[in-house]
Amino acid sequence: MNLEAVIFDWAGTTVDHGSLAPVRAIRELFSRHGITLSDSDARRDMGIFKQDHIRRILALPHIAKQWPGKEPNEREVEALFAEFIPLQMDVLEEYSRLILGAGRVAENLRARGWKIGSTTGYTRPMLDLLLRSAAEQGYRPDFSLCPDDVGGGRPKPWMCMRVALEFGLSAAAAAVKIGDTPSDIEEGLNAGMWTIGVAVTGNEIGLSAQEFAALPDDEREERVDEARVNLTSAGAHYVIDSVTFCEPVLEEIDARLAAGERP
């Protein structure tokens, strides 16, 4: 068996260095209801379907205590999600720039004969906006899915499994899932795939390229180490700084598959 496909995440992996768009929208959402959401609370469950993300934030005890009136229920989760959608759409294009090197890497992988898939925690309209913007910048996955398409988001494996079916892969193990959150890693593992975590450009550090470059050297190293530990603890087979470093790792996975290893 050899490697046949690579499945990328979006925010923090291929676009939006630091995964800033979802944090900006979700903090604005809660601010409108009198709750100041910390960056860590906003990022804690990043990568999952946004309605599930809102539900998990509301379940945090210190957030539930701040909720006006009685403890939030499922009706309020649905109302917040409906309110969140236009907030996210309003800022998404601003944060849709490709992460440096992502388009070139995807074309290199395609030239090797590997199919390119993508999955996200965004809704279909949000994904369609990103697909249009990415195409203008030269990045065109062969097949892209969101939770709306399969009836459930991360850490469920349905998006990755649907990609595998669409591509007609010989086995789920012939694909690699690449993403910047623990939920990305869990999604890939639950689908029976190899996984690569992305440390620097994603949610675990949560900074734009300029902000990250401006950090003192010791703080930068400390934050990268912490991000790597978090993604490794989630089960990632490998962790890289950005997608620009994925090709040698994919070659190693290809060789391991050819030698009979499985994830």
Protein backbone atom coordinates (compact mmCIF):
# COMPACT_ATOMS: atom_id res chain seq x y z
CA MET A 1 0.00 0.00 0.00
CA ASN A 2 1.09 3.56 -0.71
CA LEU A 3 -0.14 7.00 0.22
CA GLU A 4 -3.08 8.09 -1.93
CA ALA A 5 -4.56 11.25 -0.39
CA VAL A 6 -3.92 14.15 1.95
CA ILE A 7 -6.81 15.86 3.77
CA PHE A 8 -6.19 19.38 5.03
CA ASP A 9 -8.03 21.51 7.57
CA TRP A 10 -8.69 25.18 6.74
CA ALA A 11 -8.31 27.91 9.41
CA GLY A 12 -4.86 27.70 10.98
CA THR A 13 -3.68 25.04 8.54
CA THR A 14 -4.09 26.28 4.96
CA VAL A 15 -5.62 29.74 5.52
CA ASP A 16 -5.81 32.31 8.33
CA HIS A 17 -2.46 32.12 10.14
CA GLY A 18 -3.29 31.83 13.83
CA SER A 19 -6.92 30.77 13.23
CA LEU A 20 -8.08 34.28 14.05
CA ALA A 21 -11.43 34.49 12.23
CA PRO A 22 -13.40 32.03 14.39
CA VAL A 23 -12.04 33.52 17.60
CA ARG A 24 -12.95 37.04 16.56
CA ALA A 25 -16.52 36.03 15.66
CA ILE A 26 -17.19 33.88 18.71
CA ARG A 27 -15.83 36.46 21.15
CA GLU A 28 -18.00 39.12 19.53
CA LEU A 29 -21.00 36.80 19.85
CA PHE A 30 -20.59 36.37 23.59
CA SER A 31 -19.69 40.02 24.08
CA ARG A 32 -23.10 40.95 22.71
CA HIS A 33 -24.60 38.97 25.59
CA GLY A 34 -22.48 40.63 28.26
CA ILE A 35 -19.85 37.89 28.53
CA THR A 36 -16.16 38.62 28.03
CA LEU A 37 -14.78 35.42 26.57
CA SER A 38 -11.06 34.80 27.10
CA ASP A 39 -8.87 33.74 24.22
CA SER A 40 -8.23 30.39 25.90
CA ASP A 41 -11.95 29.75 26.41
CA ALA A 42 -12.65 30.61 22.77
CA ARG A 43 -9.87 28.33 21.53
CA ARG A 44 -10.37 25.44 23.94
CA ASP A 45 -12.56 23.37 21.59
CA MET A 46 -11.63 24.95 18.28
CA GLY A 47 -12.02 22.85 15.14
CA ILE A 48 -15.35 21.25 16.00
CA PHE A 49 -18.66 22.21 14.34
CA LYS A 50 -19.43 25.77 15.42
CA GLN A 51 -22.79 24.96 17.02
CA ASP A 52 -21.09 22.27 19.09
CA HIS A 53 -18.36 24.78 19.94
CA ILE A 54 -20.90 27.27 21.27
CA ARG A 55 -22.56 24.51 23.29
CA ARG A 56 -19.25 23.55 24.91
CA ILE A 57 -18.44 27.16 25.79
CA LEU A 58 -21.82 27.56 27.46
CA ALA A 59 -21.16 24.37 29.43
CA LEU A 60 -18.06 25.87 31.05
CA PRO A 61 -19.11 26.55 34.68
CA HIS A 62 -17.70 30.10 34.82
CA ILE A 63 -19.47 30.98 31.56
CA ALA A 64 -22.80 29.42 32.57
CA LYS A 65 -22.73 31.51 35.77
CA GLN A 66 -22.39 34.69 33.72
CA TRP A 67 -25.28 33.86 31.42
CA PRO A 68 -28.14 36.31 31.99
CA GLY A 69 -31.15 34.69 33.60
CA LYS A 70 -31.42 30.94 33.97
CA GLU A 71 -28.80 28.40 32.90
CA PRO A 72 -28.54 28.29 29.09
CA ASN A 73 -30.47 25.53 27.34
CA GLU A 74 -30.47 23.98 23.88
CA ARG A 75 -32.88 26.59 22.52
CA GLU A 76 -30.40 29.29 23.42
CA VAL A 77 -27.57 27.31 21.82
CA GLU A 78 -29.54 27.27 18.56
CA ALA A 79 -30.31 30.99 18.84
CA LEU A 80 -26.66 31.81 19.47
CA PHE A 81 -25.56 29.70 16.53
CA ALA A 82 -28.02 31.54 14.26
CA GLU A 83 -26.61 34.83 15.54
CA PHE A 84 -23.04 33.60 15.08
CA ILE A 85 -23.37 32.73 11.38
CA PRO A 86 -23.56 36.30 10.01
CA LEU A 87 -20.85 37.43 12.42
CA GLN A 88 -18.51 34.77 11.07
CA MET A 89 -19.41 35.45 7.45
CA ASP A 90 -18.70 39.16 7.96
CA VAL A 91 -15.06 38.57 8.95
CA LEU A 92 -14.24 35.38 7.07
CA GLU A 93 -13.02 36.89 3.83
CA GLU A 94 -10.71 39.23 5.74
CA TYR A 95 -8.98 36.15 7.17
CA SER A 96 -9.05 33.98 4.05
CA ARG A 97 -5.47 34.56 2.91
CA LEU A 98 -3.51 31.39 2.27
CA ILE A 99 -0.81 30.55 4.78
CA LEU A 100 2.58 31.02 3.19
CA GLY A 101 3.44 28.07 0.95
CA ALA A 102 0.11 26.24 1.25
CA GLY A 103 -0.84 26.55 -2.42
CA ARG A 104 2.59 25.46 -3.64
CA VAL A 105 2.63 22.45 -1.32
CA ALA A 106 -0.80 21.31 -2.51
CA GLU A 107 0.33 21.42 -6.14
CA ASN A 108 3.51 19.52 -5.28
CA LEU A 109 1.44 16.80 -3.64
CA ARG A 110 -0.93 16.63 -6.59
CA ALA A 111 2.05 16.28 -8.93
CA ARG A 112 3.00 13.15 -6.97
CA GLY A 113 -0.40 11.69 -7.79
CA TRP A 114 -1.92 12.28 -4.34
CA LYS A 115 -5.48 13.59 -4.13
CA ILE A 116 -6.17 16.69 -2.03
CA GLY A 117 -9.19 16.79 0.29
CA SER A 118 -10.30 19.23 2.94
CA THR A 119 -12.58 19.24 6.00
CA THR A 120 -13.65 22.03 8.34
CA GLY A 121 -15.77 22.96 11.33
CA TYR A 122 -17.31 25.81 9.32
CA THR A 123 -20.76 25.67 7.71
CA ARG A 124 -21.22 25.09 3.98
CA PRO A 125 -21.69 28.80 3.09
CA MET A 126 -18.52 29.60 5.05
CA LEU A 127 -16.62 26.81 3.32
CA ASP A 128 -17.86 27.96 -0.09
CA LEU A 129 -16.53 31.46 0.62
CA LEU A 130 -13.14 30.01 1.54
CA LEU A 131 -13.11 27.79 -1.54
CA ARG A 132 -13.73 30.77 -3.81
CA SER A 133 -11.05 32.87 -2.15
CA ALA A 134 -8.54 30.01 -2.08
CA ALA A 135 -9.12 29.26 -5.76
CA GLU A 136 -8.30 32.88 -6.60
CA GLN A 137 -5.02 32.36 -4.74
CA GLY A 138 -4.21 29.08 -6.50
CA TYR A 139 -5.37 26.50 -3.93
CA ARG A 140 -8.09 24.11 -5.16
CA PRO A 141 -8.74 20.93 -3.12
CA ASP A 142 -10.24 18.09 -5.15
CA PHE A 143 -13.08 17.57 -2.66
CA SER A 144 -14.13 19.57 0.40
CA LEU A 145 -16.62 18.82 3.17
CA CYS A 146 -18.16 20.43 6.22
CA PRO A 147 -20.28 18.93 9.03
CA ASP A 148 -23.48 19.99 7.21
CA ASP A 149 -22.60 17.52 4.45
CA VAL A 150 -22.30 14.40 6.59
CA GLY A 151 -24.49 14.93 9.65
CA GLY A 152 -21.73 15.50 12.19
CA GLY A 153 -18.44 17.24 12.75
CA ARG A 154 -15.21 16.49 14.54
CA PRO A 155 -14.14 14.44 16.37
CA LYS A 156 -16.52 12.15 14.47
CA PRO A 157 -14.77 10.63 11.44
CA TRP A 158 -17.58 11.11 8.92
CA MET A 159 -16.02 13.90 6.86
CA CYS A 160 -12.73 12.05 6.45
CA MET A 161 -14.51 8.80 5.69
CA ARG A 162 -16.69 10.49 3.07
CA VAL A 163 -13.56 11.94 1.45
CA ALA A 164 -12.04 8.45 1.39
CA LEU A 165 -15.17 7.10 -0.33
CA GLU A 166 -15.25 9.96 -2.83
CA PHE A 167 -11.61 9.35 -3.74
CA GLY A 168 -12.10 5.58 -3.88
CA LEU A 169 -9.11 4.98 -1.59
CA SER A 170 -7.88 1.43 -1.17
CA ALA A 171 -8.08 1.93 2.62
CA ALA A 172 -8.48 4.75 5.11
CA ALA A 173 -4.85 4.17 6.08
CA ALA A 174 -3.84 5.40 2.62
CA ALA A 175 -4.78 8.96 3.67
CA VAL A 176 -3.22 11.52 5.99
CA LYS A 177 -5.23 14.12 7.91
CA ILE A 178 -3.39 17.40 8.57
CA GLY A 179 -4.77 19.97 11.01
CA ASP A 180 -3.94 22.40 13.78
CA THR A 181 -6.31 21.33 16.59
CA PRO A 182 -6.69 18.24 18.76
CA SER A 183 -10.12 17.75 17.18
CA ASP A 184 -8.45 17.52 13.75
CA ILE A 185 -6.18 14.82 15.07
CA GLU A 186 -9.06 12.94 16.69
CA GLU A 187 -11.04 13.15 13.45
CA GLY A 188 -8.22 11.55 11.50
CA LEU A 189 -7.51 8.89 14.11
CA ASN A 190 -11.18 7.97 14.38
CA ALA A 191 -11.23 7.52 10.59
CA GLY A 192 -8.22 5.18 10.75
CA MET A 193 -5.85 7.62 9.08
CA TRP A 194 -2.36 8.94 9.71
CA THR A 195 -2.36 12.37 11.33
CA ILE A 196 -0.04 15.38 11.25
CA GLY A 197 -0.49 18.27 13.67
CA VAL A 198 0.38 21.85 12.68
CA ALA A 199 1.86 23.78 15.59
CA VAL A 200 2.97 27.29 14.62
CA THR A 201 0.35 28.58 12.17
CA GLY A 202 -2.68 27.30 14.02
CA ASN A 203 -4.96 27.50 17.00
CA GLU A 204 -2.50 26.15 19.57
CA ILE A 205 -0.42 29.34 19.33
CA GLY A 206 -3.13 31.57 17.92
CA LEU A 207 -1.03 34.42 16.56
CA SER A 208 -0.74 36.04 13.16
CA ALA A 209 2.55 35.58 11.35
CA GLN A 210 3.62 39.09 12.35
CA GLU A 211 2.69 38.59 16.00
CA PHE A 212 4.51 35.29 16.15
CA ALA A 213 7.66 36.74 14.57
CA ALA A 214 7.61 39.60 17.08
CA LEU A 215 7.79 37.28 20.12
CA PRO A 216 11.08 37.11 22.05
CA ASP A 217 13.05 34.01 21.06
CA ASP A 218 12.57 32.22 24.38
CA GLU A 219 8.82 32.84 24.46
CA ARG A 220 8.49 31.72 20.84
CA GLU A 221 10.29 28.45 21.58
CA GLU A 222 8.25 27.88 24.73
CA ARG A 223 4.96 28.37 22.90
CA VAL A 224 5.97 26.10 20.03
CA ASP A 225 7.03 23.38 22.47
CA GLU A 226 3.68 23.64 24.27
CA ALA A 227 1.76 23.44 20.99
CA ARG A 228 3.73 20.39 19.94
CA VAL A 229 3.04 18.67 23.26
CA ASN A 230 -0.70 19.38 22.99
CA LEU A 231 -0.96 17.97 19.47
CA THR A 232 1.20 14.96 20.30
CA SER A 233 -0.93 14.31 23.38
CA ALA A 234 -3.99 14.32 21.14
CA GLY A 235 -2.40 11.43 19.23
CA ALA A 236 -0.74 13.08 16.24
CA HIS A 237 1.71 10.73 14.55
CA TYR A 238 3.84 13.73 13.57
CA VAL A 239 3.86 17.46 14.37
CA ILE A 240 5.20 20.13 12.02
CA ASP A 241 5.40 23.92 12.28
CA SER A 242 3.39 24.61 9.12
CA VAL A 243 2.16 22.84 5.99
CA THR A 244 5.34 23.93 4.21
CA PHE A 245 7.12 21.18 6.15
CA CYS A 246 4.72 18.35 5.34
CA GLU A 247 6.33 16.86 2.22
CA PRO A 248 9.23 15.00 3.90
CA VAL A 249 6.81 13.68 6.53
CA LEU A 250 4.39 12.47 3.87
CA GLU A 251 7.26 10.74 2.10
CA GLU A 252 8.11 8.96 5.35
CA ILE A 253 4.48 7.89 5.82
CA ASP A 254 4.41 6.64 2.22
CA ALA A 255 7.51 4.55 2.91
CA ARG A 256 6.04 3.18 6.13
CA LEU A 257 2.86 2.18 4.30
CA ALA A 258 4.90 0.45 1.60
CA ALA A 259 6.74 -1.44 4.34
CA GLY A 260 3.44 -2.70 5.74
CA GLU A 261 2.96 -0.27 8.64
CA ARG A 262 -0.47 1.09 9.46
CA PRO A 263 -1.55 4.06 11.61
